[in-house]
C-alpha atoms as a PDB file:
ATOM      1  CA  UNK A   1     -40.518 -27.925   6.296  1.00  0.00           C
ATOM      2  CA  UNK A   2     -37.924 -30.469   7.236  1.00  0.00           C
ATOM      3  CA  UNK A   3     -38.285 -34.193   7.531  1.00  0.00           C
ATOM      4  CA  UNK A   4     -35.759 -35.304   8.793  1.00  0.00           C
ATOM      5  CA  UNK A   5     -33.486 -32.449  11.113  1.00  0.00           C
ATOM      6  CA  UNK A   6     -30.036 -33.116  12.011  1.00  0.00           C
ATOM      7  CA  UNK A   7     -30.038 -30.883  15.727  1.00  0.00           C
ATOM      8  CA  UNK A   8     -26.130 -31.464  16.103  1.00  0.00           C
ATOM      9  CA  UNK A   9     -25.183 -30.308  12.643  1.00  0.00           C
ATOM     10  CA  UNK A  10     -28.316 -27.325  13.199  1.00  0.00           C
ATOM     11  CA  UNK A  11     -26.277 -26.032  16.198  1.00  0.00           C
ATOM     12  CA  UNK A  12     -23.381 -26.267  15.414  1.00  0.00           C
ATOM     13  CA  UNK A  13     -23.604 -23.372  12.687  1.00  0.00           C
ATOM     14  CA  UNK A  14     -25.781 -21.367  15.158  1.00  0.00           C
ATOM     15  CA  UNK A  15     -22.870 -18.617  15.794  1.00  0.00           C
ATOM     16  CA  UNK A  16     -23.896 -18.588  19.601  1.00  0.00           C
ATOM     17  CA  UNK A  17     -22.494 -22.341  19.421  1.00  0.00           C
ATOM     18  CA  UNK A  18     -20.166 -21.956  16.549  1.00  0.00           C
ATOM     19  CA  UNK A  19     -17.056 -22.263  19.595  1.00  0.00           C
ATOM     20  CA  UNK A  20     -18.878 -25.429  21.447  1.00  0.00           C
ATOM     21  CA  UNK A  21     -17.073 -28.913  20.903  1.00  0.00           C
ATOM     22  CA  UNK A  22     -19.288 -32.076  19.859  1.00  0.00           C
ATOM     23  CA  UNK A  23     -19.176 -33.269  23.454  1.00  0.00           C
ATOM     24  CA  UNK A  24     -20.937 -29.755  24.516  1.00  0.00           C
ATOM     25  CA  UNK A  25     -23.062 -29.618  21.091  1.00  0.00           C
ATOM     26  CA  UNK A  26     -25.094 -33.241  22.358  1.00  0.00           C
ATOM     27  CA  UNK A  27     -25.148 -31.899  25.773  1.00  0.00           C
ATOM     28  CA  UNK A  28     -27.418 -29.310  24.970  1.00  0.00           C
ATOM     29  CA  UNK A  29     -29.378 -30.966  22.318  1.00  0.00           C
ATOM     30  CA  UNK A  30     -29.650 -34.277  25.190  1.00  0.00           C
ATOM     31  CA  UNK A  31     -30.660 -32.184  27.697  1.00  0.00           C
ATOM     32  CA  UNK A  32     -31.924 -28.769  27.006  1.00  0.00           C
ATOM     33  CA  UNK A  33     -33.836 -29.052  23.288  1.00  0.00           C
ATOM     34  CA  UNK A  34     -37.193 -29.300  22.474  1.00  0.00           C
ATOM     35  CA  UNK A  35     -38.718 -29.318  19.009  1.00  0.00           C
ATOM     36  CA  UNK A  36     -42.116 -28.123  18.054  1.00  0.00           C
ATOM     37  CA  UNK A  37     -43.717 -27.602  14.090  1.00  0.00           C
ATOM     38  CA  UNK A  38     -45.862 -25.333  14.388  1.00  0.00           C
ATOM     39  CA  UNK A  39     -49.205 -24.171  12.465  1.00  0.00           C
ATOM     40  CA  UNK A  40     -49.524 -20.854  10.719  1.00  0.00           C
ATOM     41  CA  UNK A  41     -52.063 -18.559  13.847  1.00  0.00           C
ATOM     42  CA  UNK A  42     -50.526 -20.992  16.621  1.00  0.00           C
ATOM     43  CA  UNK A  43     -49.610 -18.922  19.210  1.00  0.00           C
ATOM     44  CA  UNK A  44     -46.146 -19.793  20.948  1.00  0.00           C
ATOM     45  CA  UNK A  45     -46.647 -17.462  24.040  1.00  0.00           C
ATOM     46  CA  UNK A  46     -48.880 -14.614  25.491  1.00  0.00           C
ATOM     47  CA  UNK A  47     -47.686 -11.546  27.535  1.00  0.00           C
ATOM     48  CA  UNK A  48     -47.444 -12.047  31.074  1.00  0.00           C
ATOM     49  CA  UNK A  49     -46.710 -15.657  30.683  1.00  0.00           C
ATOM     50  CA  UNK A  50     -43.385 -17.480  32.412  1.00  0.00           C
ATOM     51  CA  UNK A  51     -39.866 -17.466  30.549  1.00  0.00           C
ATOM     52  CA  UNK A  52     -38.616 -20.564  30.671  1.00  0.00           C
ATOM     53  CA  UNK A  53     -37.059 -21.209  27.495  1.00  0.00           C
ATOM     54  CA  UNK A  54     -35.851 -19.375  24.259  1.00  0.00           C
ATOM     55  CA  UNK A  55     -36.536 -19.707  20.957  1.00  0.00           C
ATOM     56  CA  UNK A  56     -34.645 -20.460  16.950  1.00  0.00           C
ATOM     57  CA  UNK A  57     -37.403 -19.956  14.575  1.00  0.00           C
ATOM     58  CA  UNK A  58     -35.376 -23.381  11.635  1.00  0.00           C
ATOM     59  CA  UNK A  59     -38.273 -22.031   8.787  1.00  0.00           C
ATOM     60  CA  UNK A  60     -40.729 -20.145   8.965  1.00  0.00           C
ATOM     61  CA  UNK A  61     -42.279 -17.163  10.761  1.00  0.00           C
ATOM     62  CA  UNK A  62     -42.834 -15.557  13.884  1.00  0.00           C
ATOM     63  CA  UNK A  63     -44.194 -12.421  14.767  1.00  0.00           C
ATOM     64  CA  UNK A  64     -43.482 -10.518  18.616  1.00  0.00           C
ATOM     65  CA  UNK A  65     -46.743  -8.461  18.805  1.00  0.00           C
ATOM     66  CA  UNK A  66     -48.689  -6.515  21.559  1.00  0.00           C
ATOM     67  CA  UNK A  67     -52.359  -6.055  21.912  1.00  0.00           C
ATOM     68  CA  UNK A  68     -54.152  -2.047  22.742  1.00  0.00           C
ATOM     69  CA  UNK A  69     -57.187  -2.667  25.119  1.00  0.00           C
ATOM     70  CA  UNK A  70     -59.178  -2.230  21.990  1.00  0.00           C
ATOM     71  CA  UNK A  71     -57.709  -5.201  20.468  1.00  0.00           C
ATOM     72  CA  UNK A  72     -55.708  -2.961  17.859  1.00  0.00           C
ATOM     73  CA  UNK A  73     -52.274  -5.202  17.049  1.00  0.00           C
ATOM     74  CA  UNK A  74     -49.071  -3.512  16.906  1.00  0.00           C
ATOM     75  CA  UNK A  75     -46.126  -5.634  15.275  1.00  0.00           C
ATOM     76  CA  UNK A  76     -43.010  -5.302  17.284  1.00  0.00           C
ATOM     77  CA  UNK A  77     -40.557  -7.646  14.933  1.00  0.00           C
ATOM     78  CA  UNK A  78     -40.602 -10.570  12.502  1.00  0.00           C
ATOM     79  CA  UNK A  79     -38.505 -13.472  13.008  1.00  0.00           C
ATOM     80  CA  UNK A  80     -37.036 -15.553  10.622  1.00  0.00           C
ATOM     81  CA  UNK A  81     -35.317 -18.329  10.225  1.00  0.00           C
ATOM     82  CA  UNK A  82     -31.829 -18.509  11.852  1.00  0.00           C
ATOM     83  CA  UNK A  83     -33.106 -16.037  14.078  1.00  0.00           C
ATOM     84  CA  UNK A  84     -34.047 -16.496  18.022  1.00  0.00           C
ATOM     85  CA  UNK A  85     -36.495 -14.388  20.217  1.00  0.00           C
ATOM     86  CA  UNK A  86     -37.241 -14.813  24.533  1.00  0.00           C
ATOM     87  CA  UNK A  87     -33.660 -14.579  25.616  1.00  0.00           C
ATOM     88  CA  UNK A  88     -34.348 -10.741  27.468  1.00  0.00           C
ATOM     89  CA  UNK A  89     -37.186 -12.172  29.982  1.00  0.00           C
ATOM     90  CA  UNK A  90     -35.659 -15.635  30.488  1.00  0.00           C
ATOM     91  CA  UNK A  91     -32.514 -14.128  31.852  1.00  0.00           C
ATOM     92  CA  UNK A  92     -34.502 -11.243  33.879  1.00  0.00           C
ATOM     93  CA  UNK A  93     -36.898 -13.511  35.394  1.00  0.00           C
ATOM     94  CA  UNK A  94     -40.347 -11.711  33.871  1.00  0.00           C
ATOM     95  CA  UNK A  95     -42.990 -13.207  32.093  1.00  0.00           C
ATOM     96  CA  UNK A  96     -43.296 -12.234  28.639  1.00  0.00           C
ATOM     97  CA  UNK A  97     -43.432  -9.125  26.900  1.00  0.00           C
ATOM     98  CA  UNK A  98     -44.949  -9.718  24.085  1.00  0.00           C
ATOM     99  CA  UNK A  99     -47.018 -12.355  22.132  1.00  0.00           C
ATOM    100  CA  UNK A 100     -45.697 -14.175  19.816  1.00  0.00           C
ATOM    101  CA  UNK A 101     -47.873 -16.396  16.999  1.00  0.00           C
ATOM    102  CA  UNK A 102     -46.479 -18.662  13.819  1.00  0.00           C
ATOM    103  CA  UNK A 103     -47.151 -16.994  10.949  1.00  0.00           C
ATOM    104  CA  UNK A 104     -47.544 -19.517   8.182  1.00  0.00           C
ATOM    105  CA  UNK A 105     -45.845 -23.101   9.210  1.00  0.00           C
ATOM    106  CA  UNK A 106     -43.033 -22.239  11.575  1.00  0.00           C
ATOM    107  CA  UNK A 107     -40.550 -25.508  12.856  1.00  0.00           C
ATOM    108  CA  UNK A 108     -39.576 -23.887  16.324  1.00  0.00           C
ATOM    109  CA  UNK A 109     -36.207 -24.890  18.198  1.00  0.00           C
ATOM    110  CA  UNK A 110     -36.492 -24.240  22.151  1.00  0.00           C
ATOM    111  CA  UNK A 111     -33.648 -24.586  24.250  1.00  0.00           C
ATOM    112  CA  UNK A 112     -34.194 -24.380  27.980  1.00  0.00           C
ATOM    113  CA  UNK A 113     -32.720 -21.803  31.004  1.00  0.00           C
ATOM    114  CA  UNK A 114     -31.573 -24.525  32.537  1.00  0.00           C
ATOM    115  CA  UNK A 115     -29.644 -25.812  30.131  1.00  0.00           C
ATOM    116  CA  UNK A 116     -28.247 -21.880  28.405  1.00  0.00           C
ATOM    117  CA  UNK A 117     -26.621 -21.575  32.463  1.00  0.00           C
ATOM    118  CA  UNK A 118     -25.290 -24.686  32.721  1.00  0.00           C
ATOM    119  CA  UNK A 119     -23.042 -23.281  29.629  1.00  0.00           C
ATOM    120  CA  UNK A 120     -22.680 -20.083  31.031  1.00  0.00           C
ATOM    121  CA  UNK A 121     -20.978 -22.008  34.057  1.00  0.00           C
ATOM    122  CA  UNK A 122     -18.805 -23.888  32.002  1.00  0.00           C
ATOM    123  CA  UNK A 123     -17.629 -21.312  29.826  1.00  0.00           C
ATOM    124  CA  UNK A 124     -18.197 -18.062  30.721  1.00  0.00           C
ATOM    125  CA  UNK A 125     -17.923 -17.032  26.754  1.00  0.00           C
ATOM    126  CA  UNK A 126     -21.518 -18.416  26.212  1.00  0.00           C
ATOM    127  CA  UNK A 127     -22.735 -15.738  28.041  1.00  0.00           C
ATOM    128  CA  UNK A 128     -21.208 -12.855  25.747  1.00  0.00           C
ATOM    129  CA  UNK A 129     -22.691 -14.733  22.932  1.00  0.00           C
ATOM    130  CA  UNK A 130     -25.769 -14.126  24.284  1.00  0.00           C
ATOM    131  CA  UNK A 131     -24.847 -11.105  25.629  1.00  0.00           C
ATOM    132  CA  UNK A 132     -24.348  -9.821  21.693  1.00  0.00           C
ATOM    133  CA  UNK A 133     -27.315 -11.603  20.797  1.00  0.00           C
ATOM    134  CA  UNK A 134     -29.834  -9.617  22.920  1.00  0.00           C
ATOM    135  CA  UNK A 135     -27.088  -6.486  22.755  1.00  0.00           C
ATOM    136  CA  UNK A 136     -28.251  -6.247  18.987  1.00  0.00           C
ATOM    137  CA  UNK A 137     -31.964  -6.744  19.593  1.00  0.00           C
ATOM    138  CA  UNK A 138     -31.703  -3.542  21.712  1.00  0.00           C
ATOM    139  CA  UNK A 139     -29.551  -1.924  19.033  1.00  0.00           C
ATOM    140  CA  UNK A 140     -32.328  -2.453  16.913  1.00  0.00           C
ATOM    141  CA  UNK A 141     -35.326  -1.406  18.563  1.00  0.00           C
ATOM    142  CA  UNK A 142     -33.768   1.866  18.952  1.00  0.00           C
ATOM    143  CA  UNK A 143     -32.891   2.085  15.214  1.00  0.00           C
ATOM    144  CA  UNK A 144     -36.829   0.999  14.774  1.00  0.00           C
ATOM    145  CA  UNK A 145     -38.144   3.998  17.361  1.00  0.00           C
ATOM    146  CA  UNK A 146     -35.142   6.673  14.820  1.00  0.00           C
ATOM    147  CA  UNK A 147     -37.055   5.895  12.046  1.00  0.00           C
ATOM    148  CA  UNK A 148     -40.298   5.699  13.618  1.00  0.00           C
ATOM    149  CA  UNK A 149     -39.861   9.330  14.953  1.00  0.00           C
ATOM    150  CA  UNK A 150     -37.362  10.857  12.514  1.00  0.00           C
ATOM    151  CA  UNK A 151     -38.488   9.355   9.116  1.00  0.00           C
ATOM    152  CA  UNK A 152     -41.264   9.867   6.964  1.00  0.00           C
ATOM    153  CA  UNK A 153     -43.362   6.650   6.068  1.00  0.00           C
ATOM    154  CA  UNK A 154     -42.668   6.732   2.755  1.00  0.00           C
ATOM    155  CA  UNK A 155     -39.321   6.801   3.434  1.00  0.00           C
ATOM    156  CA  UNK A 156     -40.054   3.642   6.578  1.00  0.00           C
ATOM    157  CA  UNK A 157     -41.086   1.661   3.651  1.00  0.00           C
ATOM    158  CA  UNK A 158     -38.121   2.057   0.640  1.00  0.00           C
ATOM    159  CA  UNK A 159     -35.988   1.106   3.556  1.00  0.00           C
ATOM    160  CA  UNK A 160     -37.729  -2.080   4.779  1.00  0.00           C
ATOM    161  CA  UNK A 161     -37.700  -3.333   0.999  1.00  0.00           C
ATOM    162  CA  UNK A 162     -33.835  -1.901   0.466  1.00  0.00           C
ATOM    163  CA  UNK A 163     -33.110  -3.776   4.002  1.00  0.00           C
ATOM    164  CA  UNK A 164     -31.355  -6.995   3.375  1.00  0.00           C
ATOM    165  CA  UNK A 165     -29.495  -5.577  -0.088  1.00  0.00           C
ATOM    166  CA  UNK A 166     -28.257  -2.112   1.959  1.00  0.00           C
ATOM    167  CA  UNK A 167     -26.834  -4.453   4.057  1.00  0.00           C
ATOM    168  CA  UNK A 168     -24.822  -6.324   1.500  1.00  0.00           C
ATOM    169  CA  UNK A 169     -23.941  -4.186  -1.050  1.00  0.00           C
ATOM    170  CA  UNK A 170     -24.588   0.163  -0.461  1.00  0.00           C
ATOM    171  CA  UNK A 171     -22.964   0.920  -4.421  1.00  0.00           C
ATOM    172  CA  UNK A 172     -25.043  -1.370  -6.392  1.00  0.00           C
ATOM    173  CA  UNK A 173     -27.359  -0.570  -9.306  1.00  0.00           C
ATOM    174  CA  UNK A 174     -28.609  -4.041 -10.267  1.00  0.00           C
ATOM    175  CA  UNK A 175     -32.271  -4.836 -10.179  1.00  0.00           C
ATOM    176  CA  UNK A 176     -33.312  -7.686  -7.803  1.00  0.00           C
ATOM    177  CA  UNK A 177     -36.777  -9.247  -6.469  1.00  0.00           C
ATOM    178  CA  UNK A 178     -37.510 -10.251  -2.705  1.00  0.00           C
ATOM    179  CA  UNK A 179     -40.871 -11.900  -1.665  1.00  0.00           C
ATOM    180  CA  UNK A 180     -42.858 -10.645   1.140  1.00  0.00           C
ATOM    181  CA  UNK A 181     -42.361 -13.033   3.599  1.00  0.00           C
ATOM    182  CA  UNK A 182     -45.916 -12.720   5.672  1.00  0.00           C
ATOM    183  CA  UNK A 183     -48.897 -10.084   4.734  1.00  0.00           C
ATOM    184  CA  UNK A 184     -48.776  -6.677   3.276  1.00  0.00           C
ATOM    185  CA  UNK A 185     -50.812  -5.610   6.834  1.00  0.00           C
ATOM    186  CA  UNK A 186     -48.206  -7.362   8.935  1.00  0.00           C
ATOM    187  CA  UNK A 187     -45.457  -5.436   7.474  1.00  0.00           C
ATOM    188  CA  UNK A 188     -47.517  -2.125   7.676  1.00  0.00           C
ATOM    189  CA  UNK A 189     -47.951  -2.438  11.400  1.00  0.00           C
ATOM    190  CA  UNK A 190     -44.552  -4.005  12.103  1.00  0.00           C
ATOM    191  CA  UNK A 191     -43.681   0.012  10.304  1.00  0.00           C
ATOM    192  CA  UNK A 192     -46.051   1.865  11.980  1.00  0.00           C
ATOM    193  CA  UNK A 193     -48.386   2.556   9.475  1.00  0.00           C
ATOM    194  CA  UNK A 194     -51.713   1.630   8.218  1.00  0.00           C
ATOM    195  CA  UNK A 195     -52.230  -1.576   5.117  1.00  0.00           C
ATOM    196  CA  UNK A 196     -53.577   1.166   3.691  1.00  0.00           C
ATOM    197  CA  UNK A 197     -50.697   3.810   3.559  1.00  0.00           C
ATOM    198  CA  UNK A 198     -48.338   0.556   3.358  1.00  0.00           C
ATOM    199  CA  UNK A 199     -50.157   0.330   0.087  1.00  0.00           C
ATOM    200  CA  UNK A 200     -50.576   3.438  -1.474  1.00  0.00           C
ATOM    201  CA  UNK A 201     -46.966   4.320  -1.374  1.00  0.00           C
ATOM    202  CA  UNK A 202     -45.733   0.517  -3.282  1.00  0.00           C
ATOM    203  CA  UNK A 203     -48.950   2.433  -5.879  1.00  0.00           C
ATOM    204  CA  UNK A 204     -46.854   5.037  -5.637  1.00  0.00           C
ATOM    205  CA  UNK A 205     -43.101   3.315  -6.352  1.00  0.00           C
ATOM    206  CA  UNK A 206     -44.759   1.935  -9.089  1.00  0.00           C
ATOM    207  CA  UNK A 207     -46.185   4.031 -10.785  1.00  0.00           C
ATOM    208  CA  UNK A 208     -42.959   6.028 -10.834  1.00  0.00           C
ATOM    209  CA  UNK A 209     -41.604   3.113 -11.968  1.00  0.00           C
ATOM    210  CA  UNK A 210     -39.425   2.089  -9.410  1.00  0.00           C
ATOM    211  CA  UNK A 211     -40.782  -0.713  -8.469  1.00  0.00           C
ATOM    212  CA  UNK A 212     -43.426  -4.009 -10.085  1.00  0.00           C
ATOM    213  CA  UNK A 213     -45.608  -5.484  -8.145  1.00  0.00           C
ATOM    214  CA  UNK A 214     -46.649  -8.967  -8.176  1.00  0.00           C
ATOM    215  CA  UNK A 215     -48.460 -10.188  -4.736  1.00  0.00           C
ATOM    216  CA  UNK A 216     -45.965 -10.880  -2.630  1.00  0.00           C
ATOM    217  CA  UNK A 217     -43.019 -10.383  -5.335  1.00  0.00           C
ATOM    218  CA  UNK A 218     -41.675  -6.830  -6.177  1.00  0.00           C
ATOM    219  CA  UNK A 219     -39.458  -6.247  -8.492  1.00  0.00           C
ATOM    220  CA  UNK A 220     -36.840  -3.360  -7.715  1.00  0.00           C
ATOM    221  CA  UNK A 221     -35.715  -2.158 -10.729  1.00  0.00           C
ATOM    222  CA  UNK A 222     -32.869  -0.157  -9.911  1.00  0.00           C
ATOM    223  CA  UNK A 223     -31.926  -0.091  -5.628  1.00  0.00           C
ATOM    224  CA  UNK A 224     -29.439   2.774  -6.255  1.00  0.00           C
ATOM    225  CA  UNK A 225     -32.424   5.274  -7.566  1.00  0.00           C
ATOM    226  CA  UNK A 226     -34.949   3.367  -4.788  1.00  0.00           C
ATOM    227  CA  UNK A 227     -33.106   4.409  -1.687  1.00  0.00           C
ATOM    228  CA  UNK A 228     -32.762   8.345  -3.427  1.00  0.00           C
ATOM    229  CA  UNK A 229     -36.354   8.410  -3.852  1.00  0.00           C
ATOM    230  CA  UNK A 230     -37.555  11.042  -3.347  1.00  0.00           C
ATOM    231  CA  UNK A 231     -34.795  13.128  -2.290  1.00  0.00           C
ATOM    232  CA  UNK A 232     -34.158  13.039  -6.262  1.00  0.00           C
END
């Protein structure tokens, strides 16, 4: 959690605001932004509440989730540093369709709808950048539905473990270590798996010599071999 925070510098490196001039960034910072520190478990918004701003995670982790009438929880998305959420309901004028909660101590930047609409009127390119962000989230959700329908549970777990590495270098066979940002139960819900099944998959991969598990640290011994399992 940062003790000091340069809001103008942070806004300038976010893709959404990267093309804005310094005076535009200052106007946005002065009139449209608020910063808040959230404790672990603190609720940001609930289903049905009015949405008059969107949010960017500066540090920490946020989960978007829904609750069944039985009380069962389904994690829709995990939001990490540098990523935003809440844009779609802000533009639609509808209430939130999901709940949002901090999973750890989180530093959150919130940007008001009025400030966003003012910038769109000044520069239509701003609307296009926001549209790209919303479209990317929709694309990600469609990919999730495809994964749930077409991929086995073990393929979903492997895909999650390799998600960042495969985006960076699809041909590398290096050993890497990843740290799970949240609990295994939360990740299991995100992948539409039970926590017990998620743990069984990790144990199977460890038994096969593909990974080593050290609490939340997962040591992947060979990324290409893991990516081909269990199709080898």
